[in-house]
PDB file of all heavy atoms in Angstrom:
ATOM      1  N   ILE A   1     -66.817   6.206  16.950  1.00  0.00           N
ATOM      2  CA  ILE A   1     -65.607   5.612  16.184  1.00  0.00           C
ATOM      3  C   ILE A   1     -65.233   6.526  14.995  1.00  0.00           C
ATOM      4  O   ILE A   1     -66.052   6.797  14.160  1.00  0.00           O
ATOM      5  CB  ILE A   1     -65.954   4.266  15.717  1.00  0.00           C
ATOM      6  CG1 ILE A   1     -66.449   3.336  16.866  1.00  0.00           C
ATOM      7  CG2 ILE A   1     -64.789   3.611  14.925  1.00  0.00           C
ATOM      8  CD1 ILE A   1     -65.300   3.011  17.859  1.00  0.00           C
ATOM      9  N   HIS A   2     -64.028   6.993  14.927  1.00  0.00           N
ATOM     10  CA  HIS A   2     -63.541   7.818  13.862  1.00  0.00           C
ATOM     11  C   HIS A   2     -62.598   6.930  13.051  1.00  0.00           C
ATOM     12  O   HIS A   2     -61.407   6.789  13.281  1.00  0.00           O
ATOM     13  CB  HIS A   2     -62.709   8.982  14.386  1.00  0.00           C
ATOM     14  CG  HIS A   2     -63.552   9.935  15.236  1.00  0.00           C
ATOM     15  ND1 HIS A   2     -64.439  10.857  14.776  1.00  0.00           N
ATOM     16  CD2 HIS A   2     -63.603  10.065  16.654  1.00  0.00           C
ATOM     17  CE1 HIS A   2     -64.943  11.503  15.767  1.00  0.00           C
ATOM     18  NE2 HIS A   2     -64.516  11.015  16.824  1.00  0.00           N
ATOM     19  N   ASN A   3     -63.248   6.455  11.951  1.00  0.00           N
ATOM     20  CA  ASN A   3     -62.464   5.538  11.025  1.00  0.00           C
ATOM     21  C   ASN A   3     -62.816   5.779   9.542  1.00  0.00           C
ATOM     22  O   ASN A   3     -62.992   4.849   8.800  1.00  0.00           O
ATOM     23  CB  ASN A   3     -62.735   4.034  11.384  1.00  0.00           C
ATOM     24  CG  ASN A   3     -61.426   3.392  11.896  1.00  0.00           C
ATOM     25  OD1 ASN A   3     -60.674   4.106  12.484  1.00  0.00           O
ATOM     26  ND2 ASN A   3     -61.406   2.075  11.838  1.00  0.00           N
ATOM     27  N   GLU A   4     -62.961   7.101   9.213  1.00  0.00           N
ATOM     28  CA  GLU A   4     -63.281   7.433   7.898  1.00  0.00           C
ATOM     29  C   GLU A   4     -62.122   7.059   6.900  1.00  0.00           C
ATOM     30  O   GLU A   4     -60.944   7.219   7.304  1.00  0.00           O
ATOM     31  CB  GLU A   4     -63.593   8.967   7.716  1.00  0.00           C
ATOM     32  CG  GLU A   4     -64.715   9.432   8.577  1.00  0.00           C
ATOM     33  CD  GLU A   4     -64.466   9.487  10.074  1.00  0.00           C
ATOM     34  OE1 GLU A   4     -63.267   9.543  10.415  1.00  0.00           O
ATOM     35  OE2 GLU A   4     -65.444   9.667  10.893  1.00  0.00           O
ATOM     36  N   PRO A   5     -62.427   6.619   5.715  1.00  0.00           N
ATOM     37  CA  PRO A   5     -61.377   6.133   4.801  1.00  0.00           C
ATOM     38  C   PRO A   5     -60.495   7.418   4.465  1.00  0.00           C
ATOM     39  O   PRO A   5     -61.074   8.456   4.226  1.00  0.00           O
ATOM     40  CB  PRO A   5     -62.141   5.709   3.576  1.00  0.00           C
ATOM     41  CG  PRO A   5     -63.550   5.359   4.133  1.00  0.00           C
ATOM     42  CD  PRO A   5     -63.776   6.290   5.196  1.00  0.00           C
ATOM     43  N   ILE A   6     -59.204   7.203   4.420  1.00  0.00           N
ATOM     44  CA  ILE A   6     -58.285   8.289   3.944  1.00  0.00           C
ATOM     45  C   ILE A   6     -57.661   8.059   2.653  1.00  0.00           C
ATOM     46  O   ILE A   6     -56.887   8.856   2.121  1.00  0.00           O
ATOM     47  CB  ILE A   6     -57.233   8.609   5.083  1.00  0.00           C
ATOM     48  CG1 ILE A   6     -56.341   7.410   5.206  1.00  0.00           C
ATOM     49  CG2 ILE A   6     -57.878   9.018   6.378  1.00  0.00           C
ATOM     50  CD1 ILE A   6     -55.154   7.698   6.178  1.00  0.00           C
ATOM     51  N   ASN A   7     -57.920   6.880   2.068  1.00  0.00           N
ATOM     52  CA  ASN A   7     -57.318   6.673   0.711  1.00  0.00           C
ATOM     53  C   ASN A   7     -58.149   7.426  -0.289  1.00  0.00           C
ATOM     54  O   ASN A   7     -59.344   7.671  -0.212  1.00  0.00           O
ATOM     55  CB  ASN A   7     -57.367   5.190   0.430  1.00  0.00           C
ATOM     56  CG  ASN A   7     -58.760   4.572   0.307  1.00  0.00           C
ATOM     57  OD1 ASN A   7     -59.568   4.659   1.261  1.00  0.00           O
ATOM     58  ND2 ASN A   7     -59.033   3.923  -0.816  1.00  0.00           N
ATOM     59  N   VAL A   8     -57.459   7.883  -1.395  1.00  0.00           N
ATOM     60  CA  VAL A   8     -58.043   8.721  -2.393  1.00  0.00           C
ATOM     61  C   VAL A   8     -58.077   8.000  -3.757  1.00  0.00           C
ATOM     62  O   VAL A   8     -57.257   6.967  -3.985  1.00  0.00           O
ATOM     63  CB  VAL A   8     -57.241  10.051  -2.529  1.00  0.00           C
ATOM     64  CG1 VAL A   8     -57.330  10.826  -1.173  1.00  0.00           C
ATOM     65  CG2 VAL A   8     -55.781   9.781  -2.927  1.00  0.00           C
ATOM     66  N   PRO A   9     -58.899   8.309  -4.677  1.00  0.00           N
ATOM     67  CA  PRO A   9     -58.949   7.759  -6.013  1.00  0.00           C
ATOM     68  C   PRO A   9     -57.664   8.016  -6.703  1.00  0.00           C
ATOM     69  O   PRO A   9     -56.932   8.931  -6.545  1.00  0.00           O
ATOM     70  CB  PRO A   9     -60.141   8.506  -6.697  1.00  0.00           C
ATOM     71  CG  PRO A   9     -60.908   9.172  -5.610  1.00  0.00           C
ATOM     72  CD  PRO A   9     -59.905   9.448  -4.541  1.00  0.00           C
ATOM     73  N   MET A  10     -57.395   7.040  -7.564  1.00  0.00           N
ATOM     74  CA  MET A  10     -56.251   7.219  -8.532  1.00  0.00           C
ATOM     75  C   MET A  10     -56.542   8.211  -9.536  1.00  0.00           C
ATOM     76  O   MET A  10     -57.591   8.414  -9.999  1.00  0.00           O
ATOM     77  CB  MET A  10     -56.044   5.736  -9.209  1.00  0.00           C
ATOM     78  CG  MET A  10     -54.781   5.656 -10.006  1.00  0.00           C
ATOM     79  SD  MET A  10     -54.713   4.031 -10.854  1.00  0.00           S
ATOM     80  CE  MET A  10     -54.664   2.993  -9.393  1.00  0.00           C
ATOM     81  N   ALA A  11     -55.445   9.038  -9.797  1.00  0.00           N
ATOM     82  CA  ALA A  11     -55.610  10.099 -10.786  1.00  0.00           C
ATOM     83  C   ALA A  11     -55.848   9.570 -12.117  1.00  0.00           C
ATOM     84  O   ALA A  11     -55.415   8.343 -12.535  1.00  0.00           O
ATOM     85  CB  ALA A  11     -54.368  10.969 -10.801  1.00  0.00           C
ATOM     86  N   ALA A  12     -56.678  10.209 -12.933  1.00  0.00           N
ATOM     87  CA  ALA A  12     -57.120   9.673 -14.228  1.00  0.00           C
ATOM     88  C   ALA A  12     -55.987   9.310 -15.139  1.00  0.00           C
ATOM     89  O   ALA A  12     -55.979   8.308 -15.894  1.00  0.00           O
ATOM     90  CB  ALA A  12     -58.061  10.730 -14.846  1.00  0.00           C
ATOM     91  N   ASP A  13     -54.913  10.182 -15.079  1.00  0.00           N
ATOM     92  CA  ASP A  13     -53.826   9.952 -16.019  1.00  0.00           C
ATOM     93  C   ASP A  13     -52.912   8.703 -15.526  1.00  0.00           C
ATOM     94  O   ASP A  13     -51.999   8.384 -16.156  1.00  0.00           O
ATOM     95  CB  ASP A  13     -52.960  11.150 -16.167  1.00  0.00           C
ATOM     96  CG  ASP A  13     -52.415  11.723 -14.955  1.00  0.00           C
ATOM     97  OD1 ASP A  13     -52.679  11.107 -13.825  1.00  0.00           O
ATOM     98  OD2 ASP A  13     -51.638  12.737 -14.982  1.00  0.00           O
ATOM     99  N   ALA A  14     -53.187   8.214 -14.232  1.00  0.00           N
ATOM    100  CA  ALA A  14     -52.423   7.098 -13.725  1.00  0.00           C
ATOM    101  C   ALA A  14     -53.049   5.815 -13.868  1.00  0.00           C
ATOM    102  O   ALA A  14     -52.481   4.739 -13.596  1.00  0.00           O
ATOM    103  CB  ALA A  14     -52.087   7.385 -12.261  1.00  0.00           C
ATOM    104  N   VAL A  15     -54.279   5.807 -14.377  1.00  0.00           N
ATOM    105  CA  VAL A  15     -55.037   4.527 -14.465  1.00  0.00           C
ATOM    106  C   VAL A  15     -54.575   3.722 -15.626  1.00  0.00           C
ATOM    107  O   VAL A  15     -54.326   4.199 -16.692  1.00  0.00           O
ATOM    108  CB  VAL A  15     -56.537   4.883 -14.722  1.00  0.00           C
ATOM    109  CG1 VAL A  15     -57.327   3.552 -15.020  1.00  0.00           C
ATOM    110  CG2 VAL A  15     -57.146   5.595 -13.502  1.00  0.00           C
ATOM    111  N   SER A  16     -54.191   2.541 -15.312  1.00  0.00           N
ATOM    112  CA  SER A  16     -53.706   1.627 -16.326  1.00  0.00           C
ATOM    113  C   SER A  16     -54.142   0.167 -15.886  1.00  0.00           C
ATOM    114  O   SER A  16     -54.824   0.000 -14.855  1.00  0.00           O
ATOM    115  CB  SER A  16     -52.203   1.632 -16.435  1.00  0.00           C
ATOM    116  OG  SER A  16     -51.613   1.288 -15.246  1.00  0.00           O
ATOM    117  N   SER A  17     -53.835  -0.788 -16.625  1.00  0.00           N
ATOM    118  CA  SER A  17     -54.154  -2.164 -16.330  1.00  0.00           C
ATOM    119  C   SER A  17     -53.514  -2.623 -15.066  1.00  0.00           C
ATOM    120  O   SER A  17     -52.466  -2.110 -14.634  1.00  0.00           O
ATOM    121  CB  SER A  17     -53.705  -3.157 -17.472  1.00  0.00           C
ATOM    122  OG  SER A  17     -54.373  -2.826 -18.555  1.00  0.00           O
ATOM    123  N   VAL A  18     -54.184  -3.449 -14.284  1.00  0.00           N
ATOM    124  CA  VAL A  18     -53.673  -3.998 -13.064  1.00  0.00           C
ATOM    125  C   VAL A  18     -52.629  -4.995 -13.425  1.00  0.00           C
ATOM    126  O   VAL A  18     -53.042  -6.129 -13.973  1.00  0.00           O
ATOM    127  CB  VAL A  18     -54.791  -4.512 -12.179  1.00  0.00           C
ATOM    128  CG1 VAL A  18     -54.214  -5.149 -10.885  1.00  0.00           C
ATOM    129  CG2 VAL A  18     -55.921  -3.616 -11.889  1.00  0.00           C
ATOM    130  N   SER A  19     -51.450  -4.775 -13.080  1.00  0.00           N
ATOM    131  CA  SER A  19     -50.327  -5.710 -13.500  1.00  0.00           C
ATOM    132  C   SER A  19     -50.015  -6.535 -12.332  1.00  0.00           C
ATOM    133  O   SER A  19     -50.278  -6.323 -11.190  1.00  0.00           O
ATOM    134  CB  SER A  19     -49.117  -4.888 -13.950  1.00  0.00           C
ATOM    135  OG  SER A  19     -48.677  -3.990 -12.959  1.00  0.00           O
ATOM    136  N   GLU A  20     -49.206  -7.651 -12.652  1.00  0.00           N
ATOM    137  CA  GLU A  20     -48.808  -8.490 -11.598  1.00  0.00           C
ATOM    138  C   GLU A  20     -47.590  -7.828 -10.779  1.00  0.00           C
ATOM    139  O   GLU A  20     -46.968  -6.909 -11.229  1.00  0.00           O
ATOM    140  CB  GLU A  20     -48.320  -9.822 -12.228  1.00  0.00           C
ATOM    141  CG  GLU A  20     -47.042  -9.706 -13.139  1.00  0.00           C
ATOM    142  CD  GLU A  20     -46.834 -10.969 -13.867  1.00  0.00           C
ATOM    143  OE1 GLU A  20     -47.659 -11.469 -14.497  1.00  0.00           O
ATOM    144  OE2 GLU A  20     -45.672 -11.468 -13.622  1.00  0.00           O
ATOM    145  N   VAL A  21     -47.383  -8.226  -9.533  1.00  0.00           N
ATOM    146  CA  VAL A  21     -46.384  -7.775  -8.735  1.00  0.00           C
ATOM    147  C   VAL A  21     -45.041  -8.173  -9.274  1.00  0.00           C
ATOM    148  O   VAL A  21     -44.793  -9.260  -9.688  1.00  0.00           O
ATOM    149  CB  VAL A  21     -46.488  -8.272  -7.295  1.00  0.00           C
ATOM    150  CG1 VAL A  21     -45.340  -7.891  -6.404  1.00  0.00           C
ATOM    151  CG2 VAL A  21     -47.850  -7.838  -6.661  1.00  0.00           C
ATOM    152  N   ALA A  22     -44.058  -7.255  -9.236  1.00  0.00           N
ATOM    153  CA  ALA A  22     -42.707  -7.528  -9.659  1.00  0.00           C
ATOM    154  C   ALA A  22     -41.783  -7.416  -8.466  1.00  0.00           C
ATOM    155  O   ALA A  22     -41.937  -6.561  -7.631  1.00  0.00           O
ATOM    156  CB  ALA A  22     -42.264  -6.548 -10.792  1.00  0.00           C
ATOM    157  N   LEU A  23     -40.912  -8.349  -8.421  1.00  0.00           N
ATOM    158  CA  LEU A  23     -39.939  -8.397  -7.303  1.00  0.00           C
ATOM    159  C   LEU A  23     -38.667  -7.860  -7.821  1.00  0.00           C
ATOM    160  O   LEU A  23     -37.915  -8.533  -8.551  1.00  0.00           O
ATOM    161  CB  LEU A  23     -39.783  -9.730  -6.664  1.00  0.00           C
ATOM    162  CG  LEU A  23     -41.052 -10.377  -6.107  1.00  0.00           C
ATOM    163  CD1 LEU A  23     -40.717 -11.808  -5.585  1.00  0.00           C
ATOM    164  CD2 LEU A  23     -41.618  -9.509  -4.991  1.00  0.00           C
ATOM    165  N   PRO A  24     -38.177  -6.677  -7.464  1.00  0.00           N
ATOM    166  CA  PRO A  24     -36.893  -6.166  -7.915  1.00  0.00           C
ATOM    167  C   PRO A  24     -35.717  -6.780  -7.206  1.00  0.00           C
ATOM    168  O   PRO A  24     -35.285  -6.377  -6.141  1.00  0.00           O
ATOM    169  CB  PRO A  24     -37.039  -4.664  -7.638  1.00  0.00           C
ATOM    170  CG  PRO A  24     -37.865  -4.557  -6.424  1.00  0.00           C
ATOM    171  CD  PRO A  24     -38.835  -5.769  -6.483  1.00  0.00           C
ATOM    172  N   ALA A  25     -35.141  -7.798  -7.843  1.00  0.00           N
ATOM    173  CA  ALA A  25     -33.951  -8.388  -7.235  1.00  0.00           C
ATOM    174  C   ALA A  25     -32.711  -7.495  -7.455  1.00  0.00           C
ATOM    175  O   ALA A  25     -32.691  -6.623  -8.297  1.00  0.00           O
ATOM    176  CB  ALA A  25     -33.694  -9.767  -7.851  1.00  0.00           C
ATOM    177  N   GLY A  26     -31.736  -7.721  -6.509  1.00  0.00           N
ATOM    178  CA  GLY A  26     -30.562  -6.878  -6.672  1.00  0.00           C
ATOM    179  C   GLY A  26     -29.657  -7.360  -7.777  1.00  0.00           C
ATOM    180  O   GLY A  26     -30.006  -8.129  -8.637  1.00  0.00           O
ATOM    181  N   GLY A  27     -28.482  -6.777  -7.913  1.00  0.00           N
ATOM    182  CA  GLY A  27     -27.631  -7.045  -9.018  1.00  0.00           C
ATOM    183  C   GLY A  27     -26.719  -8.129  -8.861  1.00  0.00           C
ATOM    184  O   GLY A  27     -25.699  -8.241  -9.641  1.00  0.00           O
ATOM    185  N   ASP A  28     -26.970  -9.080  -7.906  1.00  0.00           N
ATOM    186  CA  ASP A  28     -26.050 -10.250  -7.763  1.00  0.00           C
ATOM    187  C   ASP A  28     -26.901 -11.482  -8.053  1.00  0.00           C
ATOM    188  O   ASP A  28     -27.993 -11.411  -8.595  1.00  0.00           O
ATOM    189  CB  ASP A  28     -25.457 -10.179  -6.308  1.00  0.00           C
ATOM    190  CG  ASP A  28     -26.474 -10.204  -5.297  1.00  0.00           C
ATOM    191  OD1 ASP A  28     -27.570 -10.604  -5.522  1.00  0.00           O
ATOM    192  OD2 ASP A  28     -26.195  -9.684  -4.120  1.00  0.00           O
ATOM    193  N   ASP A  29     -26.293 -12.637  -7.632  1.00  0.00           N
ATOM    194  CA  ASP A  29     -27.030 -13.838  -7.921  1.00  0.00           C
ATOM    195  C   ASP A  29     -27.765 -14.429  -6.730  1.00  0.00           C
ATOM    196  O   ASP A  29     -28.017 -15.678  -6.625  1.00  0.00           O
ATOM    197  CB  ASP A  29     -25.931 -14.906  -8.407  1.00  0.00           C
ATOM    198  CG  ASP A  29     -24.832 -15.161  -7.462  1.00  0.00           C
ATOM    199  OD1 ASP A  29     -24.782 -14.588  -6.386  1.00  0.00           O
ATOM    200  OD2 ASP A  29     -23.858 -15.948  -7.781  1.00  0.00           O
ATOM    201  N   LEU A  30     -27.958 -13.632  -5.774  1.00  0.00           N
ATOM    202  CA  LEU A  30     -28.766 -14.026  -4.581  1.00  0.00           C
ATOM    203  C   LEU A  30     -30.092 -13.331  -4.702  1.00  0.00           C
ATOM    204  O   LEU A  30     -30.290 -12.208  -5.038  1.00  0.00           O
ATOM    205  CB  LEU A  30     -28.019 -13.636  -3.289  1.00  0.00           C
ATOM    206  CG  LEU A  30     -26.689 -14.114  -3.021  1.00  0.00           C
ATOM    207  CD1 LEU A  30     -26.168 -13.564  -1.685  1.00  0.00           C
ATOM    208  CD2 LEU A  30     -26.511 -15.646  -3.142  1.00  0.00           C
ATOM    209  N   LEU A  31     -31.110 -14.042  -4.075  1.00  0.00           N
ATOM    210  CA  LEU A  31     -32.425 -13.510  -3.906  1.00  0.00           C
ATOM    211  C   LEU A  31     -32.862 -13.840  -2.421  1.00  0.00           C
ATOM    212  O   LEU A  31     -32.915 -15.029  -2.085  1.00  0.00           O
ATOM    213  CB  LEU A  31     -33.503 -14.122  -4.922  1.00  0.00           C
ATOM    214  CG  LEU A  31     -34.858 -13.519  -4.812  1.00  0.00           C
ATOM    215  CD1 LEU A  31     -34.947 -12.147  -5.209  1.00  0.00           C
ATOM    216  CD2 LEU A  31     -35.842 -14.399  -5.667  1.00  0.00           C
ATOM    217  N   ILE A  32     -33.050 -12.841  -1.596  1.00  0.00           N
ATOM    218  CA  ILE A  32     -33.304 -13.013  -0.182  1.00  0.00           C
ATOM    219  C   ILE A  32     -34.637 -12.321   0.189  1.00  0.00           C
ATOM    220  O   ILE A  32     -34.817 -11.232  -0.136  1.00  0.00           O
ATOM    221  CB  ILE A  32     -32.147 -12.431   0.636  1.00  0.00           C
ATOM    222  CG1 ILE A  32     -30.831 -13.208   0.285  1.00  0.00           C
ATOM    223  CG2 ILE A  32     -32.419 -12.567   2.179  1.00  0.00           C
ATOM    224  CD1 ILE A  32     -29.575 -12.541   0.951  1.00  0.00           C
ATOM    225  N   GLY A  33     -35.484 -13.165   0.791  1.00  0.00           N
ATOM    226  CA  GLY A  33     -36.750 -12.732   1.320  1.00  0.00           C
ATOM    227  C   GLY A  33     -36.915 -13.025   2.813  1.00  0.00           C
ATOM    228  O   GLY A  33     -36.535 -14.155   3.271  1.00  0.00           O
ATOM    229  N   LEU A  34     -37.500 -12.155   3.545  1.00  0.00           N
ATOM    230  CA  LEU A  34     -37.787 -12.327   4.997  1.00  0.00           C
ATOM    231  C   LEU A  34     -39.232 -12.058   5.248  1.00  0.00           C
ATOM    232  O   LEU A  34     -39.765 -11.099   4.695  1.00  0.00           O
ATOM    233  CB  LEU A  34     -36.909 -11.460   5.784  1.00  0.00           C
ATOM    234  CG  LEU A  34     -35.388 -11.509   5.619  1.00  0.00           C
ATOM    235  CD1 LEU A  34     -34.709 -10.348   6.451  1.00  0.00           C
ATOM    236  CD2 LEU A  34     -34.863 -12.906   6.020  1.00  0.00           C
ATOM    237  N   ALA A  35     -39.856 -12.932   6.022  1.00  0.00           N
ATOM    238  CA  ALA A  35     -41.226 -12.726   6.468  1.00  0.00           C
ATOM    239  C   ALA A  35     -41.244 -12.613   7.976  1.00  0.00           C
ATOM    240  O   ALA A  35     -40.799 -13.553   8.666  1.00  0.00           O
ATOM    241  CB  ALA A  35     -42.163 -13.763   5.986  1.00  0.00           C
ATOM    242  N   PHE A  36     -41.795 -11.521   8.556  1.00  0.00           N
ATOM    243  CA  PHE A  36     -41.786 -11.355  10.007  1.00  0.00           C
ATOM    244  C   PHE A  36     -43.184 -11.572  10.485  1.00  0.00           C
ATOM    245  O   PHE A  36     -44.177 -10.895  10.112  1.00  0.00           O
ATOM    246  CB  PHE A  36     -41.395  -9.923  10.385  1.00  0.00           C
ATOM    247  CG  PHE A  36     -39.908  -9.630   9.984  1.00  0.00           C
ATOM    248  CD1 PHE A  36     -39.594  -8.303   9.561  1.00  0.00           C
ATOM    249  CD2 PHE A  36     -38.983 -10.541   9.913  1.00  0.00           C
ATOM    250  CE1 PHE A  36     -38.186  -8.018   9.240  1.00  0.00           C
ATOM    251  CE2 PHE A  36     -37.604 -10.272   9.557  1.00  0.00           C
ATOM    252  CZ  PHE A  36     -37.278  -9.032   9.175  1.00  0.00           C
ATOM    253  N   SER A  37     -43.341 -12.450  11.515  1.00  0.00           N
ATOM    254  CA  SER A  37     -44.609 -12.811  11.952  1.00  0.00           C
ATOM    255  C   SER A  37     -45.252 -11.732  12.883  1.00  0.00           C
ATOM    256  O   SER A  37     -44.546 -10.725  13.173  1.00  0.00           O
ATOM    257  CB  SER A  37     -44.594 -14.105  12.784  1.00  0.00           C
ATOM    258  OG  SER A  37     -44.070 -13.888  14.093  1.00  0.00           O
ATOM    259  N   GLY A  38     -46.511 -11.901  13.235  1.00  0.00           N
ATOM    260  CA  GLY A  38     -47.122 -11.036  14.192  1.00  0.00           C
ATOM    261  C   GLY A  38     -46.760 -11.367  15.568  1.00  0.00           C
ATOM    262  O   GLY A  38     -46.169 -12.444  15.822  1.00  0.00           O
ATOM    263  N   GLY A  39     -47.051 -10.502  16.551  1.00  0.00           N
ATOM    264  CA  GLY A  39     -46.675 -10.770  18.019  1.00  0.00           C
ATOM    265  C   GLY A  39     -46.344  -9.587  18.688  1.00  0.00           C
ATOM    266  O   GLY A  39     -45.576  -9.585  19.663  1.00  0.00           O
ATOM    267  N   GLY A  40     -46.865  -8.321  18.317  1.00  0.00           N
ATOM    268  CA  GLY A  40     -46.552  -7.147  19.039  1.00  0.00           C
ATOM    269  C   GLY A  40     -45.126  -6.740  19.033  1.00  0.00           C
ATOM    270  O   GLY A  40     -44.352  -7.175  18.148  1.00  0.00           O
ATOM    271  N   THR A  41     -44.691  -6.059  20.141  1.00  0.00           N
ATOM    272  CA  THR A  41     -43.281  -5.769  20.196  1.00  0.00           C
ATOM    273  C   THR A  41     -42.410  -6.985  20.334  1.00  0.00           C
ATOM    274  O   THR A  41     -41.247  -6.943  20.020  1.00  0.00           O
ATOM    275  CB  THR A  41     -43.105  -4.795  21.462  1.00  0.00           C
ATOM    276  OG1 THR A  41     -43.856  -3.630  21.248  1.00  0.00           O
ATOM    277  CG2 THR A  41     -41.646  -4.361  21.679  1.00  0.00           C
ATOM    278  N   ARG A  42     -42.938  -8.006  20.900  1.00  0.00           N
ATOM    279  CA  ARG A  42     -42.125  -9.307  20.937  1.00  0.00           C
ATOM    280  C   ARG A  42     -41.697  -9.710  19.515  1.00  0.00           C
ATOM    281  O   ARG A  42     -40.536 -10.046  19.371  1.00  0.00           O
ATOM    282  CB  ARG A  42     -43.014 -10.389  21.485  1.00  0.00           C
ATOM    283  CG  ARG A  42     -42.219 -11.711  21.852  1.00  0.00           C
ATOM    284  CD  ARG A  42     -43.081 -12.790  22.307  1.00  0.00           C
ATOM    285  NE  ARG A  42     -43.944 -13.375  21.383  1.00  0.00           N
ATOM    286  CZ  ARG A  42     -45.222 -13.479  21.554  1.00  0.00           C
ATOM    287  NH1 ARG A  42     -45.815 -13.136  22.684  1.00  0.00           N
ATOM    288  NH2 ARG A  42     -46.042 -14.043  20.602  1.00  0.00           N
ATOM    289  N   ALA A  43     -42.603  -9.650  18.569  1.00  0.00           N
ATOM    290  CA  ALA A  43     -42.177  -9.975  17.209  1.00  0.00           C
ATOM    291  C   ALA A  43     -41.255  -8.977  16.658  1.00  0.00           C
ATOM    292  O   ALA A  43     -40.269  -9.294  15.846  1.00  0.00           O
ATOM    293  CB  ALA A  43     -43.499 -10.111  16.300  1.00  0.00           C
TER     294      ALA A  43
END
């Protein structure tokens, strides 16, 4: 099995506090989100 991790450490100058996720809404008065379920190519 070839499944070695490929993620790398964060650069030292990029380390900062872990902040909460921000959702960048657009410039209008609507907020639209879509969630796509699992199910292969069918989904």
